[in-house]
Every structure is written in C-alpha cells, then in structure tokens.
Amino acid sequence: MNQYILTSVETEKRHAGAKAKNDVSKFLHEIGFLSMFMDSEMNRYEKRLFFRNNFRKKLSYLEKSDVLAIQYPFYMGDYIVRVIIDETRKKGVNTILIIHDIDALREHFGDEAVIKNEIDLLNGFDVLVAHNASMTDWLRENNCRRPIVNLELFDYSIEGDHDFGKADPSRRRVLFAGNLAKAHFLSKIAPRDYELVLFGNGVDTEALPENVNYKGSFAPEELLDHLEGEYGLVWDGDEPDRCTGDYGRYLKYNNPHKMSLYISCRLPVIIWKEAAQARFVEEKGIGIAVSSLADLDMRLKEITEERYLQMQRNAAELAAKTTRGYFIKRAIKNALERSGEPS
C-alpha cells in the first residue's frame, strides 16, 4: 500500500494562509506520504479543461487500496472536488479528507442548501479528519455519515533557531496575529493596564485605540523573530465583549491556527470562553478563557509570576509536540485504521 497527499501548489504570501496546509504536507512526508502536485494557479476555465485528464493520468500510478490524503477546502472549486471523488472511487483508492475549514459552517451558517451541498461533498470521502468534538458533532447533526477522527490541535512547524525567551512575566503584553481586516473588535477594544500588540494585514492604524501597538506584517517564518508579548489572544468577530458575527461564531467549532502559533512560541493563550478550544486551553493549563475582553485587565492582574511560568512550561511541553507534527501524525494513523469502515 502506497500513501500520497494531494498538494495544491499555491504562492506563499505575507500571511499564514498556506502555512497550515504546507505543514500538514511536510509532516505527512515524514511518515512516508508522497506528494501528488496539482497547480491551483490555473483559472477556472483551465481547471475544467485540464484537471480531469491531468488527475486521471496522475491516478494511473496508484493501485487499488492505496491511500490519498486531500486537504480541504481544495481551492479549485466544488467541480474539482467532485472529479477527485469520482476518479478515486473508480480506481478503488482510499481517501482521507483533512479539514482546514468548512465554508458552510464558517460563512453560511444555517443555509440549508449550502450545508447540504458541502456535506454531500464530505460524504464522498472514506474518512474525515475534523478539528475537534464540536465540529464533529455539527457534522453528525447535518448528516455526515463518514468515519471522523478529531485532530485536537493544529501542528506548527518551526524551522531554524528562534529566541522564545523574550516574554517578561512582570509585563502584560497581549499579542494578536492574523487577518486584522476581519477583526472588527480591534477598533472597539479599550486596553488599560495591558498593551495589545498586533501583527498582520488589513489594519487601519488610525482607527486603533490607545495602548494598541501595530508591529507590521511578516511571512510566517519571519514573524517568529518579531513577535512580542507575554500572551497570545484568540478572538474574532465584531465585538470585544463576546465573539460575534460569522467569524466569532466559527470559534465555537474550529481550531484557530493562530493558537498553534502561540503555543509553538511557548506563549500562554487567552481565548473566548465559548470557543471550542477553551476547554483544551484550561485542561492543559496553557492559558485562560474569558467571557469578555473587558475583563482582561482584572484577569491578567490575578495571574502571579509563578502561575504564568507554569502556563509557559505547559505551553512548551505542547510545543514539543506541535513542532514535530504529533497531532496530524496521530490523526492520520487513526484515520488509516478506520479506512474501510462502513458508513
């Protein structure tokens, strides 16, 4: 049995959009998966004209019972996903779908037609790797019939040597990294005794309140040498008093990739109390869960140096796993064991 991962070739930009997928490919290579490359830079007409024949040719090298892992969403459109399903079924190839995002859950919550279409796509694969139990529950509630393995936490590859010992327990700098254009809560936040330090694209610096410090945008590997702060913030949506809107609600189901960044940099995490990952943060002792950012001044003052250092040590223990691909390797091993289970 041979194992492959379908890798979509994407241009690396100054954000972490491709980082999670690139890391999955890297860690699967370490356990023997080979890459089957597809070019995602084609326009939609080229995709329709060339993808099926190109993909069929690539599949000719695969044999029945070989394994093909696919990272989803596959940013080449639903048509391409259906081609993958049709061709792998004809060939008798076992498929593992690694979910990074579910658009029906993230941007079309409650839209039954969109949900049904996406669930139908997911049901076309043999085994799914979902983020966590909350996402799996949503998939089951919406008629996903395939075996599902929970990832639990995204891994985060770090190359080279970096100084992660710059955090100062006597200070209270809260780092937030990511797509700042959709983080509308930033213009409404009012930090007092802590400093909010921002990294990412799409911010209007003139609209930022006092005590919010924008540090710029960097490619993922560059970012590691510029990070400043004692805590990493996981928050999304429109308001600082709770996570609202599509992206805020999505936190109830997904594993935010920025949380893996913080952990891999040995930073304690601050997360919304209703987020799917809040229980993980509290159980692992790697940070705190808060209902509102208005409470953050008080909550941070309550953290003693001893407690901070213990959270940092706990994060470092997890970092030893995330930087080696522990979670995706474990999930794929479990998925391989469940391949072939009846739906």
Protein backbone atom coordinates (compact mmCIF):
# COMPACT_ATOMS: atom_id res chain seq x y z
CA MET A 1 0.00 0.00 0.00
CA ASN A 2 1.36 3.39 -1.04
CA GLN A 3 0.34 6.67 0.56
CA TYR A 4 0.02 10.04 -1.19
CA ILE A 5 -1.05 13.55 -0.32
CA LEU A 6 -2.67 15.72 -2.98
CA THR A 7 -0.81 19.02 -2.70
CA SER A 8 -2.18 22.17 -4.28
CA VAL A 9 0.65 24.45 -5.41
CA GLU A 10 -0.05 27.94 -4.05
CA THR A 11 2.03 31.09 -3.98
CA GLU A 12 3.31 31.89 -0.48
CA LYS A 13 2.26 35.40 0.57
CA ARG A 14 2.88 37.54 3.64
CA HIS A 15 0.25 35.78 5.70
CA ALA A 16 -0.32 32.30 7.12
CA GLY A 17 -2.96 31.26 4.58
CA ALA A 18 -0.86 28.42 3.16
CA LYS A 19 1.12 27.69 6.34
CA ALA A 20 -1.26 25.11 7.83
CA LYS A 21 -1.50 23.12 4.59
CA ASN A 22 2.22 23.27 3.95
CA ASP A 23 2.88 21.98 7.47
CA VAL A 24 0.47 19.07 7.02
CA SER A 25 2.25 18.12 3.78
CA LYS A 26 5.63 18.33 5.48
CA PHE A 27 4.63 16.19 8.46
CA LEU A 28 2.94 13.58 6.27
CA HIS A 29 6.09 13.35 4.16
CA GLU A 30 7.93 12.47 7.37
CA ILE A 31 5.75 9.38 7.79
CA GLY A 32 6.12 8.21 4.22
CA PHE A 33 3.45 10.06 2.23
CA LEU A 34 4.44 11.16 -1.28
CA SER A 35 3.16 14.38 -2.86
CA MET A 36 0.87 14.39 -5.88
CA PHE A 37 1.11 18.01 -7.03
CA MET A 38 -1.72 19.96 -8.67
CA ASP A 39 -1.45 23.55 -9.89
CA SER A 40 -4.06 25.79 -8.25
CA GLU A 41 -2.93 28.88 -10.17
CA MET A 42 -4.95 27.94 -13.27
CA ASN A 43 -8.05 29.99 -13.98
CA ARG A 44 -11.44 28.25 -13.68
CA TYR A 45 -11.67 27.51 -17.42
CA GLU A 46 -8.26 25.87 -17.48
CA LYS A 47 -9.23 23.83 -14.43
CA ARG A 48 -12.34 22.45 -16.12
CA LEU A 49 -10.47 21.76 -19.36
CA PHE A 50 -7.38 20.12 -17.95
CA PHE A 51 -7.95 18.90 -14.40
CA ARG A 52 -9.86 15.67 -15.07
CA ASN A 53 -7.39 14.35 -17.66
CA ASN A 54 -4.41 15.54 -15.65
CA PHE A 55 -5.73 13.99 -12.45
CA ARG A 56 -6.67 10.73 -14.17
CA LYS A 57 -3.11 10.50 -15.52
CA LYS A 58 -1.68 11.02 -12.04
CA LEU A 59 -4.05 8.41 -10.61
CA SER A 60 -2.78 5.88 -13.14
CA TYR A 61 0.26 5.45 -10.88
CA LEU A 62 -1.96 4.48 -7.94
CA GLU A 63 -3.26 1.00 -7.25
CA LYS A 64 -6.39 -0.23 -5.54
CA SER A 65 -6.19 0.22 -1.74
CA ASP A 66 -3.52 2.92 -2.00
CA VAL A 67 -4.25 5.95 0.19
CA LEU A 68 -4.75 9.52 -0.99
CA ALA A 69 -4.97 12.33 1.59
CA ILE A 70 -6.65 15.56 0.44
CA GLN A 71 -6.57 18.89 2.28
CA TYR A 72 -9.92 20.66 2.28
CA PRO A 73 -11.10 23.13 1.11
CA PHE A 74 -9.32 22.39 -2.14
CA TYR A 75 -9.29 25.91 -3.53
CA MET A 76 -10.08 24.88 -7.08
CA GLY A 77 -13.88 24.71 -6.72
CA ASP A 78 -16.56 22.09 -5.98
CA TYR A 79 -16.30 20.78 -9.54
CA ILE A 80 -12.72 19.71 -8.90
CA VAL A 81 -13.64 18.07 -5.60
CA ARG A 82 -16.30 16.01 -7.38
CA VAL A 83 -13.76 14.98 -10.01
CA ILE A 84 -11.46 13.78 -7.19
CA ILE A 85 -14.31 11.79 -5.62
CA ASP A 86 -15.41 10.21 -8.93
CA GLU A 87 -11.92 9.26 -10.08
CA THR A 88 -10.70 7.85 -6.75
CA ARG A 89 -13.85 5.73 -6.43
CA LYS A 90 -13.36 4.29 -9.92
CA LYS A 91 -9.78 3.43 -9.04
CA GLY A 92 -10.60 1.97 -5.61
CA VAL A 93 -8.26 4.40 -3.83
CA ASN A 94 -8.86 5.02 -0.12
CA THR A 95 -9.32 8.73 0.63
CA ILE A 96 -8.68 10.74 3.80
CA LEU A 97 -10.03 14.28 3.85
CA ILE A 98 -8.16 16.65 6.18
CA ILE A 99 -10.47 19.55 7.01
CA HIS A 100 -8.98 23.02 7.41
CA ASP A 101 -12.25 24.92 7.04
CA ILE A 102 -15.92 24.21 6.38
CA ASP A 103 -17.37 27.12 4.41
CA ALA A 104 -20.98 26.19 5.20
CA LEU A 105 -20.15 26.45 8.90
CA ARG A 106 -17.92 29.49 8.65
CA GLU A 107 -19.76 31.76 6.20
CA HIS A 108 -23.18 30.21 5.51
CA PHE A 109 -24.35 29.14 8.95
CA GLY A 110 -27.98 27.98 8.79
CA ASP A 111 -28.18 28.00 4.97
CA GLU A 112 -29.61 24.51 4.42
CA ALA A 113 -28.87 24.37 0.69
CA VAL A 114 -25.20 25.31 1.15
CA ILE A 115 -24.83 22.95 4.11
CA LYS A 116 -26.37 20.03 2.19
CA ASN A 117 -24.09 20.63 -0.79
CA GLU A 118 -20.96 20.68 1.35
CA ILE A 119 -21.96 17.68 3.45
CA ASP A 120 -22.62 15.75 0.21
CA LEU A 121 -19.04 16.53 -0.82
CA LEU A 122 -17.63 15.40 2.52
CA ASN A 123 -19.61 12.17 2.35
CA GLY A 124 -17.73 11.36 -0.85
CA PHE A 125 -14.54 10.56 1.05
CA ASP A 126 -13.70 7.48 3.12
CA VAL A 127 -12.51 9.10 6.37
CA LEU A 128 -12.56 12.70 7.59
CA VAL A 129 -10.12 14.46 9.93
CA ALA A 130 -12.13 17.18 11.72
CA HIS A 131 -10.82 19.80 14.13
CA ASN A 132 -12.45 18.76 17.40
CA ALA A 133 -15.52 17.20 19.01
CA SER A 134 -17.64 20.33 18.47
CA MET A 135 -17.02 20.25 14.73
CA THR A 136 -17.67 16.52 14.63
CA ASP A 137 -20.97 16.99 16.46
CA TRP A 138 -22.03 19.62 13.90
CA LEU A 139 -21.09 17.30 11.03
CA ARG A 140 -23.12 14.45 12.54
CA GLU A 141 -26.11 16.73 13.17
CA ASN A 142 -26.03 17.67 9.49
CA ASN A 143 -25.96 14.08 8.18
CA CYS A 144 -22.26 13.49 7.64
CA ARG A 145 -22.05 9.70 7.61
CA ARG A 146 -18.33 9.07 7.19
CA PRO A 147 -15.94 7.93 9.96
CA ILE A 148 -14.43 11.01 11.63
CA VAL A 149 -11.16 11.43 13.54
CA ASN A 150 -10.58 14.54 15.67
CA LEU A 151 -7.29 16.38 15.16
CA GLU A 152 -7.50 18.18 18.54
CA LEU A 153 -4.86 20.83 17.69
CA PHE A 154 -3.12 22.02 14.53
CA ASP A 155 0.61 21.48 14.45
CA TYR A 156 3.00 24.32 13.63
CA SER A 157 6.37 23.65 12.00
CA ILE A 158 9.23 25.92 13.06
CA GLU A 159 12.47 25.94 11.09
CA GLY A 160 15.78 27.17 12.47
CA ASP A 161 16.61 28.68 15.83
CA HIS A 162 14.45 31.39 17.38
CA ASP A 163 14.54 33.15 20.73
CA PHE A 164 11.28 32.39 22.52
CA GLY A 165 12.57 33.51 25.91
CA LYS A 166 11.74 37.20 25.49
CA ALA A 167 8.48 37.12 27.46
CA ASP A 168 8.66 39.03 30.74
CA PRO A 169 6.24 37.73 33.42
CA SER A 170 6.20 41.17 35.05
CA ARG A 171 4.69 42.69 31.90
CA ARG A 172 1.27 42.23 30.31
CA ARG A 173 1.65 42.45 26.54
CA VAL A 174 -1.09 40.60 24.63
CA LEU A 175 -0.18 39.51 21.13
CA PHE A 176 -2.76 39.15 18.36
CA ALA A 177 -1.64 37.85 14.95
CA GLY A 178 -3.70 37.17 11.85
CA ASN A 179 -6.05 38.74 9.34
CA LEU A 180 -6.72 42.07 11.03
CA ALA A 181 -9.21 43.22 8.39
CA LYS A 182 -11.89 40.87 9.73
CA ALA A 183 -11.09 41.51 13.41
CA HIS A 184 -13.51 44.45 13.78
CA PHE A 185 -13.36 44.21 17.58
CA LEU A 186 -9.92 45.82 17.43
CA SER A 187 -11.33 49.30 16.79
CA LYS A 188 -13.59 48.98 19.85
CA ILE A 189 -11.22 47.45 22.37
CA ALA A 190 -10.07 49.53 25.35
CA PRO A 191 -6.96 48.02 26.97
CA ARG A 192 -5.87 49.90 30.09
CA ASP A 193 -3.15 48.19 32.08
CA TYR A 194 -2.05 45.86 29.29
CA GLU A 195 -0.73 46.55 25.80
CA LEU A 196 -2.26 44.88 22.74
CA VAL A 197 0.41 44.12 20.12
CA LEU A 198 -0.80 43.45 16.56
CA PHE A 199 0.76 41.60 13.63
CA GLY A 200 -0.95 41.04 10.28
CA ASN A 201 -2.61 42.51 7.21
CA GLY A 202 -5.54 44.85 6.70
CA VAL A 203 -5.46 47.15 9.71
CA ASP A 204 -6.37 50.85 9.75
CA THR A 205 -3.76 52.11 12.17
CA GLU A 206 -5.50 55.46 12.56
CA ALA A 207 -8.61 53.73 13.91
CA LEU A 208 -6.74 51.82 16.61
CA PRO A 209 -7.39 52.87 20.22
CA GLU A 210 -4.69 53.96 22.62
CA ASN A 211 -2.50 51.18 24.01
CA VAL A 212 -2.84 49.15 20.81
CA ASN A 213 0.51 48.81 19.02
CA TYR A 214 0.71 47.67 15.38
CA LYS A 215 4.02 46.00 14.52
CA GLY A 216 3.56 45.11 10.86
CA SER A 217 3.02 42.12 8.59
CA PHE A 218 5.52 39.31 8.05
CA ALA A 219 5.69 35.96 6.30
CA PRO A 220 5.14 33.09 8.78
CA GLU A 221 8.81 32.20 9.29
CA GLU A 222 9.86 35.87 9.55
CA LEU A 223 7.13 36.53 12.10
CA LEU A 224 8.79 34.28 14.67
CA ASP A 225 11.70 36.72 15.05
CA HIS A 226 9.43 39.74 15.51
CA LEU A 227 6.82 38.51 17.97
CA GLU A 228 6.48 40.48 21.19
CA GLY A 229 4.27 39.66 24.12
CA GLU A 230 3.56 37.53 27.13
CA TYR A 231 0.20 36.13 25.92
CA GLY A 232 -1.41 35.19 22.62
CA LEU A 233 -5.04 36.25 22.05
CA VAL A 234 -7.59 34.04 20.27
CA TRP A 235 -10.61 36.24 19.50
CA ASP A 236 -12.69 37.02 16.44
CA GLY A 237 -15.72 38.90 15.21
CA ASP A 238 -17.15 42.35 15.68
CA GLU A 239 -17.25 42.98 19.43
CA PRO A 240 -14.81 42.94 22.36
CA ASP A 241 -17.42 41.80 24.90
CA ARG A 242 -18.08 38.49 23.09
CA CYS A 243 -17.22 36.88 19.77
CA THR A 244 -19.99 37.73 17.31
CA GLY A 245 -20.69 37.54 13.59
CA ASP A 246 -19.80 34.66 11.28
CA TYR A 247 -16.16 34.50 12.32
CA GLY A 248 -16.92 34.88 16.00
CA ARG A 249 -19.44 32.05 15.90
CA TYR A 250 -16.96 29.91 13.96
CA LEU A 251 -14.73 29.86 17.06
CA LYS A 252 -17.32 27.57 18.64
CA TYR A 253 -16.33 24.87 16.12
CA ASN A 254 -12.83 25.36 14.74
CA ASN A 255 -9.21 25.09 15.84
CA PRO A 256 -7.74 28.56 15.17
CA HIS A 257 -4.32 28.23 13.57
CA LYS A 258 -3.05 31.28 15.49
CA MET A 259 -3.46 29.30 18.71
CA SER A 260 -0.94 26.78 17.39
CA LEU A 261 1.42 29.63 16.57
CA TYR A 262 1.22 30.93 20.14
CA ILE A 263 1.71 27.50 21.69
CA SER A 264 4.67 26.72 19.44
CA CYS A 265 6.25 30.01 20.59
CA ARG A 266 5.70 28.96 24.26
CA LEU A 267 3.13 31.71 24.89
CA PRO A 268 0.16 31.24 27.23
CA VAL A 269 -3.17 31.66 25.44
CA ILE A 270 -6.14 33.94 26.12
CA ILE A 271 -9.30 32.62 24.46
CA TRP A 272 -13.04 33.30 24.36
CA LYS A 273 -14.80 31.14 26.96
CA GLU A 274 -17.34 29.78 24.44
CA ALA A 275 -14.72 28.78 21.86
CA ALA A 276 -14.37 25.10 21.05
CA GLN A 277 -10.74 25.20 22.16
CA ALA A 278 -11.42 26.92 25.52
CA ARG A 279 -11.70 23.60 27.36
CA PHE A 280 -8.42 22.43 25.81
CA VAL A 281 -6.67 25.62 26.98
CA GLU A 282 -7.95 25.25 30.54
CA GLU A 283 -7.43 21.50 30.83
CA LYS A 284 -3.86 21.71 29.55
CA GLY A 285 -3.12 24.69 31.80
CA ILE A 286 -1.77 26.77 28.94
CA GLY A 287 -3.80 29.96 29.45
CA ILE A 288 -7.14 31.44 30.46
CA ALA A 289 -10.65 31.61 28.99
CA VAL A 290 -12.56 34.89 29.29
CA SER A 291 -16.15 35.88 28.54
CA SER A 292 -15.29 39.45 27.58
CA LEU A 293 -12.14 41.40 26.81
CA ALA A 294 -13.46 44.00 29.25
CA ASP A 295 -12.46 41.53 31.98
CA LEU A 296 -8.93 41.13 30.71
CA ASP A 297 -7.26 43.83 32.83
CA MET A 298 -8.57 42.24 36.01
CA ARG A 299 -7.86 38.65 34.91
CA LEU A 300 -4.27 39.42 33.97
CA LYS A 301 -3.62 41.16 37.29
CA GLU A 302 -4.71 37.97 39.07
CA ILE A 303 -2.02 35.88 37.38
CA THR A 304 1.03 35.52 39.62
CA GLU A 305 4.52 35.11 38.22
CA GLU A 306 4.54 31.51 39.44
CA ARG A 307 1.29 30.73 37.63
CA TYR A 308 2.49 32.46 34.46
CA LEU A 309 5.72 30.46 34.41
CA GLN A 310 3.75 27.22 34.89
CA MET A 311 1.47 28.08 31.93
CA GLN A 312 4.57 28.84 29.90
CA ARG A 313 6.10 25.47 30.82
CA ASN A 314 2.89 23.71 29.88
CA ALA A 315 2.85 25.51 26.52
CA ALA A 316 6.47 24.48 25.97
CA GLU A 317 5.55 20.81 26.56
CA LEU A 318 2.84 21.08 23.92
CA ALA A 319 5.21 22.94 21.58
CA ALA A 320 7.49 19.92 21.65
CA LYS A 321 4.60 18.05 20.03
CA THR A 322 3.17 20.67 17.66
CA THR A 323 6.55 21.47 16.11
CA ARG A 324 7.06 17.75 15.31
CA GLY A 325 3.63 17.16 13.78
CA TYR A 326 2.39 14.99 16.63
CA PHE A 327 -1.31 15.75 16.21
CA ILE A 328 -1.64 15.29 12.44
CA LYS A 329 0.51 12.15 12.50
CA ARG A 330 -1.67 10.66 15.25
CA ALA A 331 -4.87 11.64 13.40
CA ILE A 332 -3.66 10.08 10.14
CA LYS A 333 -2.68 6.87 11.93
CA ASN A 334 -6.19 6.68 13.40
CA ALA A 335 -7.74 7.51 10.03
CA LEU A 336 -5.81 4.72 8.32
CA GLU A 337 -7.09 2.29 10.93
CA ARG A 338 -10.68 3.40 10.24
CA SER A 339 -10.42 3.39 6.46
CA GLY A 340 -12.92 0.96 5.03
CA GLU A 341 -15.36 1.23 7.92
CA PRO A 342 -18.99 1.18 6.76
CA SER A 343 -20.86 4.49 6.94
